[in-house]
């Protein structure tokens, strides 16, 4: 789905969060409020304050859904990431 939107994730891999990753991070973006709570409980005060991708709302997990639900989720992620771009690139 990411390739359909022009992203190349061939070099991407997931890894568990740890204190070193958080300390090296410029920003921490979570998909759900549950993720925010887990980060705060497990790693209090380490790294930048995490925030939700979708503002005040959780991003629905598409796991097990059909391809169109994954596409809609990818579009939602892209839309919200575009909100962060000016902050990240300084424009």
C-alpha atoms as a PDB file:
ATOM      1  CA  UNK A   1       0.000   0.000   0.000  1.00  0.00           C
ATOM      2  CA  UNK A   2       2.828   2.415   0.755  1.00  0.00           C
ATOM      3  CA  UNK A   3       4.262   1.908  -2.736  1.00  0.00           C
ATOM      4  CA  UNK A   4       0.930   3.001  -4.216  1.00  0.00           C
ATOM      5  CA  UNK A   5       1.497   6.351  -2.488  1.00  0.00           C
ATOM      6  CA  UNK A   6       5.115   6.623  -3.629  1.00  0.00           C
ATOM      7  CA  UNK A   7       6.888   5.350  -0.501  1.00  0.00           C
ATOM      8  CA  UNK A   8       9.707   2.811  -0.657  1.00  0.00           C
ATOM      9  CA  UNK A   9       9.713   0.805   2.561  1.00  0.00           C
ATOM     10  CA  UNK A  10      12.040  -1.927   1.301  1.00  0.00           C
ATOM     11  CA  UNK A  11      14.743  -0.873   3.778  1.00  0.00           C
ATOM     12  CA  UNK A  12      12.302  -0.398   6.662  1.00  0.00           C
ATOM     13  CA  UNK A  13      11.981  -2.854   9.515  1.00  0.00           C
ATOM     14  CA  UNK A  14      10.168  -2.626  12.798  1.00  0.00           C
ATOM     15  CA  UNK A  15      11.929  -2.894  16.116  1.00  0.00           C
ATOM     16  CA  UNK A  16      10.791  -2.623  19.698  1.00  0.00           C
ATOM     17  CA  UNK A  17      11.063   0.758  21.346  1.00  0.00           C
ATOM     18  CA  UNK A  18      13.804   1.087  23.923  1.00  0.00           C
ATOM     19  CA  UNK A  19      15.426   3.922  25.879  1.00  0.00           C
ATOM     20  CA  UNK A  20      18.216   4.354  23.309  1.00  0.00           C
ATOM     21  CA  UNK A  21      15.743   4.827  20.445  1.00  0.00           C
ATOM     22  CA  UNK A  22      13.749   7.347  22.446  1.00  0.00           C
ATOM     23  CA  UNK A  23      16.843   9.305  23.437  1.00  0.00           C
ATOM     24  CA  UNK A  24      17.960   9.437  19.793  1.00  0.00           C
ATOM     25  CA  UNK A  25      14.517  10.493  18.522  1.00  0.00           C
ATOM     26  CA  UNK A  26      13.683  14.004  17.370  1.00  0.00           C
ATOM     27  CA  UNK A  27       9.982  13.216  17.646  1.00  0.00           C
ATOM     28  CA  UNK A  28       7.835  10.322  18.843  1.00  0.00           C
ATOM     29  CA  UNK A  29       4.523   9.784  17.086  1.00  0.00           C
ATOM     30  CA  UNK A  30       2.078   7.191  18.420  1.00  0.00           C
ATOM     31  CA  UNK A  31      -0.902   5.684  16.646  1.00  0.00           C
ATOM     32  CA  UNK A  32      -3.162   5.285  19.700  1.00  0.00           C
ATOM     33  CA  UNK A  33      -3.669   6.768  23.146  1.00  0.00           C
ATOM     34  CA  UNK A  34      -2.876   3.290  24.491  1.00  0.00           C
ATOM     35  CA  UNK A  35       0.559   3.568  22.894  1.00  0.00           C
ATOM     36  CA  UNK A  36       1.033   6.980  24.532  1.00  0.00           C
ATOM     37  CA  UNK A  37       0.091   5.578  27.927  1.00  0.00           C
ATOM     38  CA  UNK A  38       2.393   2.580  27.506  1.00  0.00           C
ATOM     39  CA  UNK A  39       5.342   4.805  26.555  1.00  0.00           C
ATOM     40  CA  UNK A  40       4.725   7.136  29.492  1.00  0.00           C
ATOM     41  CA  UNK A  41       4.446   4.233  31.927  1.00  0.00           C
ATOM     42  CA  UNK A  42       7.446   2.297  30.656  1.00  0.00           C
ATOM     43  CA  UNK A  43       9.781   5.170  29.760  1.00  0.00           C
ATOM     44  CA  UNK A  44       8.826   8.189  31.879  1.00  0.00           C
ATOM     45  CA  UNK A  45      10.787  11.300  30.954  1.00  0.00           C
ATOM     46  CA  UNK A  46      12.922   9.569  28.320  1.00  0.00           C
ATOM     47  CA  UNK A  47      13.127  11.270  24.936  1.00  0.00           C
ATOM     48  CA  UNK A  48      10.706  13.772  23.463  1.00  0.00           C
ATOM     49  CA  UNK A  49       7.096  13.746  24.623  1.00  0.00           C
ATOM     50  CA  UNK A  50       5.110  11.393  22.428  1.00  0.00           C
ATOM     51  CA  UNK A  51       2.045  12.669  20.613  1.00  0.00           C
ATOM     52  CA  UNK A  52      -0.744  11.145  18.578  1.00  0.00           C
ATOM     53  CA  UNK A  53      -0.504  11.027  14.808  1.00  0.00           C
ATOM     54  CA  UNK A  54      -4.181  11.894  14.383  1.00  0.00           C
ATOM     55  CA  UNK A  55      -4.342  14.749  16.886  1.00  0.00           C
ATOM     56  CA  UNK A  56      -6.838  13.725  19.559  1.00  0.00           C
ATOM     57  CA  UNK A  57      -7.970  10.513  17.895  1.00  0.00           C
ATOM     58  CA  UNK A  58      -6.601   6.993  17.640  1.00  0.00           C
ATOM     59  CA  UNK A  59      -5.707   5.547  14.262  1.00  0.00           C
ATOM     60  CA  UNK A  60      -7.788   2.426  13.664  1.00  0.00           C
ATOM     61  CA  UNK A  61      -5.677  -0.696  13.194  1.00  0.00           C
ATOM     62  CA  UNK A  62      -6.530  -2.248   9.804  1.00  0.00           C
ATOM     63  CA  UNK A  63      -5.159  -5.702  10.649  1.00  0.00           C
ATOM     64  CA  UNK A  64      -7.276  -8.421   9.126  1.00  0.00           C
ATOM     65  CA  UNK A  65      -9.238  -6.018   6.925  1.00  0.00           C
ATOM     66  CA  UNK A  66      -9.380  -5.961   3.144  1.00  0.00           C
ATOM     67  CA  UNK A  67      -7.007  -4.033   0.902  1.00  0.00           C
ATOM     68  CA  UNK A  68      -9.241  -0.965   0.651  1.00  0.00           C
ATOM     69  CA  UNK A  69      -9.226  -0.530   4.432  1.00  0.00           C
ATOM     70  CA  UNK A  70      -5.408  -0.668   4.330  1.00  0.00           C
ATOM     71  CA  UNK A  71      -5.421   1.934   1.549  1.00  0.00           C
ATOM     72  CA  UNK A  72      -7.693   4.204   3.579  1.00  0.00           C
ATOM     73  CA  UNK A  73      -5.414   3.782   6.597  1.00  0.00           C
ATOM     74  CA  UNK A  74      -2.356   4.643   4.481  1.00  0.00           C
ATOM     75  CA  UNK A  75      -4.082   7.769   3.172  1.00  0.00           C
ATOM     76  CA  UNK A  76      -4.959   8.799   6.723  1.00  0.00           C
ATOM     77  CA  UNK A  77      -1.347   8.324   7.836  1.00  0.00           C
ATOM     78  CA  UNK A  78      -0.081  10.364   4.884  1.00  0.00           C
ATOM     79  CA  UNK A  79      -2.594  13.141   5.533  1.00  0.00           C
ATOM     80  CA  UNK A  80      -1.536  13.455   9.163  1.00  0.00           C
ATOM     81  CA  UNK A  81       2.187  13.185   8.427  1.00  0.00           C
ATOM     82  CA  UNK A  82       1.807  16.094   6.010  1.00  0.00           C
ATOM     83  CA  UNK A  83       0.646  18.205   8.989  1.00  0.00           C
ATOM     84  CA  UNK A  84       4.009  17.567  10.675  1.00  0.00           C
ATOM     85  CA  UNK A  85       6.204  18.309   7.648  1.00  0.00           C
ATOM     86  CA  UNK A  86       6.454  22.095   8.096  1.00  0.00           C
ATOM     87  CA  UNK A  87       7.533  21.557  11.692  1.00  0.00           C
ATOM     88  CA  UNK A  88      10.079  18.892  10.742  1.00  0.00           C
ATOM     89  CA  UNK A  89      11.620  20.758   7.811  1.00  0.00           C
ATOM     90  CA  UNK A  90      11.410  24.204   9.361  1.00  0.00           C
ATOM     91  CA  UNK A  91       9.112  25.887   6.881  1.00  0.00           C
END
